[in-house]
């Protein structure tokens, strides 16, 4: 089965440390945890342990990632959820699986996910992510500065 610590290690590399970019809708962030999403958290002084606690409870567990057979798929879904939100990541995955995209990982989604061919699913999911990022950059010009980074993150560069 999947391992949270393997997934979070990759995500922490992508997310880095404290950033306060006025063009980022998340505003003040640390380890990918935003002040916008967590107004009661001291973002500037958030520790790695504190970030992992939030990631496990609010991302990994909501995705039911412990029930996913493929570490690669679980890690990709988790990283996407940290970057885009759990519901958006779930909807993108569900669309790739031809499951009604309600944004909640339930038994039907898990069953189809675990039956899917890993390589094909990952490719479809990454293409869906790139399309979503392109849409966000088109919709909000301030996001264009993030587009290449988002695509590099998706492609594993």
N, C-alpha and C. Protein backbone atom coordinates (compact mmCIF):
# COMPACT_ATOMS: atom_id res chain seq x y z
N UNK A 1 0.84 -1.20 0.00
CA UNK A 1 0.00 0.00 0.00
C UNK A 1 0.88 1.26 0.00
N UNK A 2 0.26 2.38 0.05
CA UNK A 2 0.96 3.65 -0.12
C UNK A 2 1.55 4.15 1.20
N UNK A 3 2.49 5.09 1.06
CA UNK A 3 3.21 5.61 2.20
C UNK A 3 3.14 7.14 2.18
N UNK A 4 2.51 7.71 3.19
CA UNK A 4 2.38 9.17 3.31
C UNK A 4 3.74 9.85 3.32
N UNK A 5 4.70 9.31 4.04
CA UNK A 5 6.00 9.97 4.17
C UNK A 5 6.73 10.08 2.84
N UNK A 6 6.58 9.08 1.97
CA UNK A 6 7.18 9.17 0.63
C UNK A 6 6.53 10.29 -0.17
N UNK A 7 5.23 10.38 -0.11
CA UNK A 7 4.51 11.41 -0.86
C UNK A 7 4.83 12.80 -0.34
N UNK A 8 4.81 12.97 0.96
CA UNK A 8 5.01 14.31 1.53
C UNK A 8 6.44 14.79 1.30
N UNK A 9 7.41 13.90 1.25
CA UNK A 9 8.80 14.31 1.00
C UNK A 9 8.91 15.03 -0.35
N UNK A 10 8.26 14.47 -1.37
CA UNK A 10 8.28 15.08 -2.71
C UNK A 10 7.55 16.42 -2.70
N UNK A 11 6.42 16.48 -2.04
CA UNK A 11 5.63 17.71 -2.00
C UNK A 11 6.38 18.81 -1.26
N UNK A 12 7.05 18.49 -0.19
CA UNK A 12 7.80 19.50 0.56
C UNK A 12 8.92 20.11 -0.29
N UNK A 13 9.52 19.31 -1.15
CA UNK A 13 10.54 19.84 -2.07
C UNK A 13 9.90 20.85 -3.02
N UNK A 14 8.74 20.51 -3.56
CA UNK A 14 8.04 21.42 -4.48
C UNK A 14 7.59 22.71 -3.79
N UNK A 15 7.09 22.56 -2.59
CA UNK A 15 6.49 23.70 -1.92
C UNK A 15 7.51 24.63 -1.26
N UNK A 16 8.65 24.09 -0.86
CA UNK A 16 9.67 24.94 -0.25
C UNK A 16 9.23 25.51 1.08
N UNK A 17 9.77 26.65 1.41
CA UNK A 17 9.50 27.28 2.70
C UNK A 17 8.58 28.47 2.60
N UNK A 18 8.85 29.44 3.42
CA UNK A 18 7.99 30.62 3.54
C UNK A 18 8.08 31.51 2.31
N UNK A 19 6.91 31.92 1.81
CA UNK A 19 6.80 32.83 0.66
C UNK A 19 5.60 33.74 0.88
N UNK A 20 5.77 34.98 0.51
CA UNK A 20 4.63 35.91 0.51
C UNK A 20 4.67 36.68 -0.80
N UNK A 21 4.05 36.09 -1.82
CA UNK A 21 4.00 36.68 -3.16
C UNK A 21 2.63 37.32 -3.33
N UNK A 22 2.60 38.60 -3.53
CA UNK A 22 1.32 39.33 -3.64
C UNK A 22 0.50 38.88 -4.86
N UNK A 23 1.14 38.25 -5.84
CA UNK A 23 0.41 37.75 -7.00
C UNK A 23 -0.19 36.37 -6.78
N UNK A 24 0.18 35.71 -5.69
CA UNK A 24 -0.33 34.38 -5.39
C UNK A 24 -1.61 34.53 -4.58
N UNK A 25 -2.69 33.96 -5.09
CA UNK A 25 -3.99 34.09 -4.41
C UNK A 25 -3.99 33.48 -3.01
N UNK A 26 -3.08 32.54 -2.77
CA UNK A 26 -2.97 31.96 -1.43
C UNK A 26 -2.38 32.92 -0.43
N UNK A 27 -1.71 33.96 -0.96
CA UNK A 27 -1.09 34.94 -0.09
C UNK A 27 0.12 34.35 0.61
N UNK A 28 0.24 34.62 1.87
CA UNK A 28 1.35 34.13 2.68
C UNK A 28 1.27 32.60 2.76
N UNK A 29 2.38 31.92 2.40
CA UNK A 29 2.40 30.46 2.45
C UNK A 29 3.71 29.97 3.06
N UNK A 30 3.65 28.78 3.62
CA UNK A 30 4.83 28.10 4.12
C UNK A 30 4.60 26.61 3.93
N UNK A 31 5.52 25.96 3.23
CA UNK A 31 5.39 24.54 2.90
C UNK A 31 4.09 24.28 2.13
N UNK A 32 3.60 25.27 1.39
CA UNK A 32 2.37 25.11 0.63
C UNK A 32 1.10 25.32 1.43
N UNK A 33 1.22 25.61 2.71
CA UNK A 33 0.07 25.88 3.56
C UNK A 33 -0.17 27.38 3.51
N UNK A 34 -1.36 27.79 3.08
CA UNK A 34 -1.62 29.22 2.89
C UNK A 34 -2.42 29.83 4.03
N UNK A 35 -2.15 31.10 4.24
CA UNK A 35 -2.88 31.86 5.25
C UNK A 35 -4.35 31.95 4.87
N UNK A 36 -4.62 32.02 3.58
CA UNK A 36 -6.01 32.09 3.10
C UNK A 36 -6.80 30.86 3.53
N UNK A 37 -6.18 29.70 3.41
CA UNK A 37 -6.86 28.45 3.76
C UNK A 37 -6.82 28.17 5.26
N UNK A 38 -5.80 28.68 5.92
CA UNK A 38 -5.61 28.44 7.36
C UNK A 38 -5.37 29.76 8.09
N UNK A 39 -6.40 30.57 8.22
CA UNK A 39 -6.22 31.91 8.82
C UNK A 39 -5.78 31.89 10.28
N UNK A 40 -6.01 30.80 10.98
CA UNK A 40 -5.64 30.74 12.39
C UNK A 40 -4.25 30.14 12.63
N UNK A 41 -3.55 29.78 11.56
CA UNK A 41 -2.22 29.19 11.69
C UNK A 41 -1.18 30.29 11.53
N UNK A 42 -0.16 30.27 12.37
CA UNK A 42 0.98 31.19 12.26
C UNK A 42 1.85 30.69 11.11
N UNK A 43 1.54 31.13 9.90
CA UNK A 43 2.17 30.62 8.69
C UNK A 43 3.68 30.85 8.70
N UNK A 44 4.09 32.03 9.08
CA UNK A 44 5.52 32.36 9.04
C UNK A 44 6.34 31.42 9.93
N UNK A 45 5.79 30.99 11.03
CA UNK A 45 6.52 30.13 11.97
C UNK A 45 6.10 28.66 11.92
N UNK A 46 5.37 28.28 10.88
CA UNK A 46 4.94 26.89 10.72
C UNK A 46 6.16 25.99 10.55
N UNK A 47 6.17 24.89 11.27
CA UNK A 47 7.27 23.92 11.18
C UNK A 47 6.93 22.84 10.16
N UNK A 48 7.93 22.08 9.77
CA UNK A 48 7.69 20.94 8.88
C UNK A 48 6.73 19.96 9.55
N UNK A 49 6.92 19.71 10.83
CA UNK A 49 6.02 18.79 11.55
C UNK A 49 4.59 19.31 11.54
N UNK A 50 4.41 20.62 11.72
CA UNK A 50 3.07 21.20 11.67
C UNK A 50 2.45 21.09 10.29
N UNK A 51 3.26 21.32 9.26
CA UNK A 51 2.78 21.19 7.88
C UNK A 51 2.38 19.74 7.59
N UNK A 52 3.20 18.79 8.03
CA UNK A 52 2.88 17.37 7.81
C UNK A 52 1.57 16.98 8.49
N UNK A 53 1.34 17.51 9.66
CA UNK A 53 0.09 17.22 10.38
C UNK A 53 -1.11 17.70 9.57
N UNK A 54 -1.01 18.92 9.03
CA UNK A 54 -2.10 19.46 8.20
C UNK A 54 -2.24 18.64 6.93
N UNK A 55 -1.12 18.34 6.28
CA UNK A 55 -1.15 17.55 5.04
C UNK A 55 -1.82 16.20 5.25
N UNK A 56 -1.46 15.54 6.34
CA UNK A 56 -2.01 14.20 6.59
C UNK A 56 -3.52 14.26 6.83
N UNK A 57 -3.92 15.14 7.71
CA UNK A 57 -5.33 15.24 8.12
C UNK A 57 -6.22 15.79 7.00
N UNK A 58 -5.79 16.88 6.37
CA UNK A 58 -6.67 17.61 5.46
C UNK A 58 -6.50 17.28 3.99
N UNK A 59 -5.45 16.55 3.66
CA UNK A 59 -5.20 16.21 2.26
C UNK A 59 -5.14 14.68 2.09
N UNK A 60 -4.12 14.06 2.61
CA UNK A 60 -3.92 12.61 2.44
C UNK A 60 -5.15 11.81 2.87
N UNK A 61 -5.64 12.08 4.09
CA UNK A 61 -6.78 11.31 4.61
C UNK A 61 -8.05 11.61 3.83
N UNK A 62 -8.28 12.85 3.45
CA UNK A 62 -9.48 13.19 2.67
C UNK A 62 -9.46 12.53 1.29
N UNK A 63 -8.26 12.30 0.77
CA UNK A 63 -8.12 11.62 -0.53
C UNK A 63 -8.22 10.09 -0.40
N UNK A 64 -8.27 9.61 0.85
CA UNK A 64 -8.26 8.17 1.12
C UNK A 64 -7.04 7.51 0.48
N UNK A 65 -5.94 8.22 0.53
CA UNK A 65 -4.73 7.79 -0.17
C UNK A 65 -4.13 6.50 0.39
N UNK A 66 -4.40 6.18 1.66
CA UNK A 66 -3.93 4.90 2.20
C UNK A 66 -4.58 3.72 1.49
N UNK A 67 -5.69 3.95 0.81
CA UNK A 67 -6.42 2.88 0.13
C UNK A 67 -6.06 2.76 -1.35
N UNK A 68 -5.18 3.64 -1.81
CA UNK A 68 -4.74 3.60 -3.21
C UNK A 68 -3.59 2.61 -3.32
N UNK A 69 -3.64 1.73 -4.30
CA UNK A 69 -2.63 0.69 -4.46
C UNK A 69 -1.30 1.23 -4.97
N UNK A 70 -1.34 2.21 -5.85
CA UNK A 70 -0.13 2.72 -6.50
C UNK A 70 0.45 3.91 -5.73
N UNK A 71 1.70 3.77 -5.30
CA UNK A 71 2.37 4.90 -4.63
C UNK A 71 2.50 6.08 -5.58
N UNK A 72 2.81 5.82 -6.85
CA UNK A 72 2.98 6.90 -7.82
C UNK A 72 1.69 7.70 -7.99
N UNK A 73 0.57 7.01 -8.09
CA UNK A 73 -0.72 7.69 -8.24
C UNK A 73 -1.08 8.43 -6.96
N UNK A 74 -0.91 7.80 -5.81
CA UNK A 74 -1.23 8.46 -4.54
C UNK A 74 -0.38 9.70 -4.34
N UNK A 75 0.91 9.61 -4.66
CA UNK A 75 1.81 10.76 -4.51
C UNK A 75 1.42 11.89 -5.45
N UNK A 76 1.08 11.55 -6.68
CA UNK A 76 0.70 12.57 -7.67
C UNK A 76 -0.61 13.24 -7.28
N UNK A 77 -1.58 12.45 -6.85
CA UNK A 77 -2.87 13.00 -6.43
C UNK A 77 -2.69 13.90 -5.21
N UNK A 78 -1.92 13.45 -4.24
CA UNK A 78 -1.66 14.23 -3.03
C UNK A 78 -0.98 15.56 -3.38
N UNK A 79 0.07 15.50 -4.18
CA UNK A 79 0.80 16.72 -4.56
C UNK A 79 -0.12 17.69 -5.29
N UNK A 80 -0.97 17.16 -6.14
CA UNK A 80 -1.93 17.99 -6.87
C UNK A 80 -2.93 18.63 -5.91
N UNK A 81 -3.38 17.88 -4.94
CA UNK A 81 -4.33 18.40 -3.95
C UNK A 81 -3.70 19.53 -3.14
N UNK A 82 -2.44 19.39 -2.78
CA UNK A 82 -1.76 20.46 -2.05
C UNK A 82 -1.69 21.71 -2.92
N UNK A 83 -1.45 21.53 -4.20
CA UNK A 83 -1.29 22.67 -5.11
C UNK A 83 -2.61 23.27 -5.57
N UNK A 84 -3.63 22.45 -5.80
CA UNK A 84 -4.89 22.92 -6.38
C UNK A 84 -6.08 22.84 -5.43
N UNK A 85 -5.95 22.08 -4.36
CA UNK A 85 -7.08 21.81 -3.47
C UNK A 85 -7.57 20.39 -3.67
N UNK A 86 -8.08 19.81 -2.61
CA UNK A 86 -8.52 18.42 -2.63
C UNK A 86 -9.66 18.20 -3.62
N UNK A 87 -10.64 19.07 -3.61
CA UNK A 87 -11.80 18.87 -4.50
C UNK A 87 -11.41 18.97 -5.97
N UNK A 88 -10.59 19.97 -6.31
CA UNK A 88 -10.18 20.12 -7.71
C UNK A 88 -9.34 18.93 -8.15
N UNK A 89 -8.39 18.51 -7.33
CA UNK A 89 -7.56 17.36 -7.67
C UNK A 89 -8.42 16.11 -7.84
N UNK A 90 -9.38 15.94 -6.94
CA UNK A 90 -10.27 14.78 -7.02
C UNK A 90 -11.12 14.81 -8.28
N UNK A 91 -11.63 15.98 -8.64
CA UNK A 91 -12.44 16.10 -9.86
C UNK A 91 -11.61 15.80 -11.10
N UNK A 92 -10.38 16.29 -11.15
CA UNK A 92 -9.53 15.99 -12.30
C UNK A 92 -9.30 14.49 -12.42
N UNK A 93 -9.00 13.86 -11.30
CA UNK A 93 -8.79 12.41 -11.31
C UNK A 93 -10.06 11.68 -11.75
N UNK A 94 -11.19 12.07 -11.20
CA UNK A 94 -12.45 11.41 -11.55
C UNK A 94 -12.77 11.56 -13.04
N UNK A 95 -12.46 12.72 -13.60
CA UNK A 95 -12.67 12.93 -15.03
C UNK A 95 -11.80 11.96 -15.83
N UNK A 96 -10.56 11.77 -15.39
CA UNK A 96 -9.66 10.83 -16.06
C UNK A 96 -10.13 9.38 -15.95
N UNK A 97 -10.88 9.09 -14.90
CA UNK A 97 -11.38 7.73 -14.68
C UNK A 97 -12.78 7.52 -15.24
N UNK A 98 -13.36 8.54 -15.86
CA UNK A 98 -14.73 8.49 -16.36
C UNK A 98 -15.73 8.21 -15.24
N UNK A 99 -15.50 8.86 -14.10
CA UNK A 99 -16.38 8.79 -12.93
C UNK A 99 -16.99 10.18 -12.77
N UNK A 100 -18.23 10.24 -12.32
CA UNK A 100 -18.87 11.54 -12.09
C UNK A 100 -17.96 12.40 -11.20
N UNK A 101 -17.54 13.57 -11.69
CA UNK A 101 -16.60 14.39 -10.92
C UNK A 101 -17.27 15.22 -9.83
N UNK A 102 -17.48 14.59 -8.68
CA UNK A 102 -18.11 15.30 -7.57
C UNK A 102 -17.08 15.88 -6.59
N UNK A 103 -15.79 15.53 -6.79
CA UNK A 103 -14.74 16.08 -5.94
C UNK A 103 -14.52 15.35 -4.64
N UNK A 104 -15.16 14.19 -4.47
CA UNK A 104 -15.00 13.39 -3.26
C UNK A 104 -14.55 11.99 -3.67
N UNK A 105 -13.50 11.51 -3.05
CA UNK A 105 -13.00 10.17 -3.36
C UNK A 105 -13.82 9.16 -2.57
N UNK A 106 -14.69 8.46 -3.29
CA UNK A 106 -15.54 7.45 -2.67
C UNK A 106 -15.17 6.07 -3.17
N UNK A 107 -16.02 5.11 -2.86
CA UNK A 107 -15.73 3.72 -3.21
C UNK A 107 -15.66 3.48 -4.71
N UNK A 108 -16.53 4.14 -5.47
CA UNK A 108 -16.51 3.95 -6.93
C UNK A 108 -15.22 4.49 -7.52
N UNK A 109 -14.84 5.69 -7.11
CA UNK A 109 -13.59 6.28 -7.59
C UNK A 109 -12.41 5.41 -7.21
N UNK A 110 -12.35 4.98 -5.95
CA UNK A 110 -11.24 4.13 -5.51
C UNK A 110 -11.17 2.82 -6.29
N UNK A 111 -12.31 2.22 -6.53
CA UNK A 111 -12.35 0.97 -7.26
C UNK A 111 -11.81 1.15 -8.68
N UNK A 112 -12.28 2.18 -9.37
CA UNK A 112 -11.81 2.44 -10.73
C UNK A 112 -10.33 2.84 -10.75
N UNK A 113 -9.93 3.63 -9.76
CA UNK A 113 -8.53 4.06 -9.67
C UNK A 113 -7.62 2.85 -9.48
N UNK A 114 -7.97 1.97 -8.57
CA UNK A 114 -7.13 0.81 -8.28
C UNK A 114 -7.15 -0.22 -9.40
N UNK A 115 -8.15 -0.18 -10.25
CA UNK A 115 -8.21 -1.11 -11.39
C UNK A 115 -7.53 -0.53 -12.64
N UNK A 116 -7.26 0.76 -12.62
CA UNK A 116 -6.69 1.43 -13.80
C UNK A 116 -5.23 1.03 -14.01
N UNK A 117 -4.81 1.11 -15.25
CA UNK A 117 -3.41 0.89 -15.59
C UNK A 117 -2.64 2.14 -15.15
N UNK A 118 -1.68 1.97 -14.26
CA UNK A 118 -0.99 3.09 -13.61
C UNK A 118 -0.40 4.10 -14.60
N UNK A 119 0.36 3.63 -15.56
CA UNK A 119 1.04 4.52 -16.49
C UNK A 119 0.06 5.35 -17.30
N UNK A 120 -0.99 4.73 -17.78
CA UNK A 120 -2.01 5.44 -18.57
C UNK A 120 -2.74 6.46 -17.71
N UNK A 121 -3.12 6.07 -16.51
CA UNK A 121 -3.82 6.99 -15.62
C UNK A 121 -2.94 8.19 -15.27
N UNK A 122 -1.68 7.96 -14.95
CA UNK A 122 -0.78 9.07 -14.62
C UNK A 122 -0.63 10.03 -15.80
N UNK A 123 -0.50 9.50 -17.00
CA UNK A 123 -0.38 10.35 -18.18
C UNK A 123 -1.64 11.20 -18.37
N UNK A 124 -2.80 10.58 -18.28
CA UNK A 124 -4.06 11.32 -18.44
C UNK A 124 -4.20 12.38 -17.35
N UNK A 125 -3.84 12.03 -16.13
CA UNK A 125 -3.96 12.95 -15.00
C UNK A 125 -3.02 14.15 -15.19
N UNK A 126 -1.80 13.89 -15.61
CA UNK A 126 -0.85 14.98 -15.82
C UNK A 126 -1.30 15.90 -16.95
N UNK A 127 -1.85 15.33 -18.00
CA UNK A 127 -2.37 16.17 -19.09
C UNK A 127 -3.56 17.01 -18.62
N UNK A 128 -4.41 16.44 -17.80
CA UNK A 128 -5.54 17.19 -17.24
C UNK A 128 -5.04 18.34 -16.36
N UNK A 129 -3.98 18.09 -15.60
CA UNK A 129 -3.41 19.13 -14.75
C UNK A 129 -2.84 20.28 -15.60
N UNK A 130 -2.10 19.94 -16.63
CA UNK A 130 -1.52 20.98 -17.50
C UNK A 130 -2.64 21.81 -18.12
N UNK A 131 -3.71 21.16 -18.56
CA UNK A 131 -4.85 21.89 -19.13
C UNK A 131 -5.47 22.82 -18.09
N UNK A 132 -5.58 22.37 -16.87
CA UNK A 132 -6.14 23.20 -15.79
C UNK A 132 -5.24 24.40 -15.52
N UNK A 133 -3.93 24.18 -15.48
CA UNK A 133 -3.00 25.28 -15.25
C UNK A 133 -3.06 26.30 -16.39
N UNK A 134 -3.14 25.82 -17.61
CA UNK A 134 -3.25 26.73 -18.76
C UNK A 134 -4.52 27.56 -18.66
N UNK A 135 -5.61 26.93 -18.25
CA UNK A 135 -6.87 27.64 -18.05
C UNK A 135 -6.72 28.73 -16.98
N UNK A 136 -6.06 28.39 -15.88
CA UNK A 136 -5.88 29.37 -14.80
C UNK A 136 -5.01 30.55 -15.25
N UNK A 137 -4.01 30.28 -16.07
CA UNK A 137 -3.15 31.35 -16.58
C UNK A 137 -3.90 32.23 -17.58
N UNK A 138 -4.79 31.63 -18.34
CA UNK A 138 -5.58 32.40 -19.31
C UNK A 138 -6.63 33.24 -18.59
N UNK A 139 -7.25 32.66 -17.60
CA UNK A 139 -8.33 33.32 -16.87
C UNK A 139 -7.82 34.50 -16.03
N UNK A 140 -6.65 34.35 -15.45
CA UNK A 140 -6.10 35.38 -14.57
C UNK A 140 -4.65 35.66 -15.00
N UNK A 141 -4.41 36.73 -15.71
CA UNK A 141 -3.06 37.02 -16.23
C UNK A 141 -1.95 37.01 -15.17
N UNK A 142 -2.26 37.35 -13.92
CA UNK A 142 -1.23 37.32 -12.87
C UNK A 142 -0.71 35.91 -12.63
N UNK A 143 -1.49 34.89 -13.02
CA UNK A 143 -1.06 33.50 -12.84
C UNK A 143 -0.03 33.06 -13.88
N UNK A 144 0.13 33.83 -14.94
CA UNK A 144 1.03 33.42 -16.02
C UNK A 144 2.46 33.22 -15.53
N UNK A 145 2.85 33.99 -14.53
CA UNK A 145 4.22 33.84 -14.03
C UNK A 145 4.45 32.50 -13.33
N UNK A 146 3.36 31.83 -12.94
CA UNK A 146 3.47 30.54 -12.27
C UNK A 146 3.37 29.36 -13.24
N UNK A 147 2.92 29.61 -14.46
CA UNK A 147 2.59 28.52 -15.39
C UNK A 147 3.75 27.57 -15.65
N UNK A 148 4.91 28.08 -15.97
CA UNK A 148 6.04 27.20 -16.27
C UNK A 148 6.41 26.36 -15.05
N UNK A 149 6.39 26.95 -13.87
CA UNK A 149 6.68 26.21 -12.64
C UNK A 149 5.65 25.12 -12.40
N UNK A 150 4.38 25.43 -12.64
CA UNK A 150 3.33 24.43 -12.47
C UNK A 150 3.53 23.26 -13.43
N UNK A 151 3.87 23.58 -14.68
CA UNK A 151 4.06 22.53 -15.68
C UNK A 151 5.30 21.70 -15.33
N UNK A 152 6.37 22.36 -14.91
CA UNK A 152 7.58 21.62 -14.50
C UNK A 152 7.28 20.69 -13.33
N UNK A 153 6.49 21.17 -12.40
CA UNK A 153 6.11 20.35 -11.24
C UNK A 153 5.32 19.13 -11.72
N UNK A 154 4.41 19.33 -12.63
CA UNK A 154 3.58 18.24 -13.15
C UNK A 154 4.42 17.20 -13.88
N UNK A 155 5.38 17.66 -14.64
CA UNK A 155 6.19 16.74 -15.45
C UNK A 155 7.36 16.15 -14.69
N UNK A 156 7.52 16.58 -13.44
CA UNK A 156 8.57 16.02 -12.61
C UNK A 156 9.93 16.61 -12.87
N UNK A 157 9.96 17.79 -13.46
CA UNK A 157 11.26 18.43 -13.76
C UNK A 157 11.83 19.11 -12.53
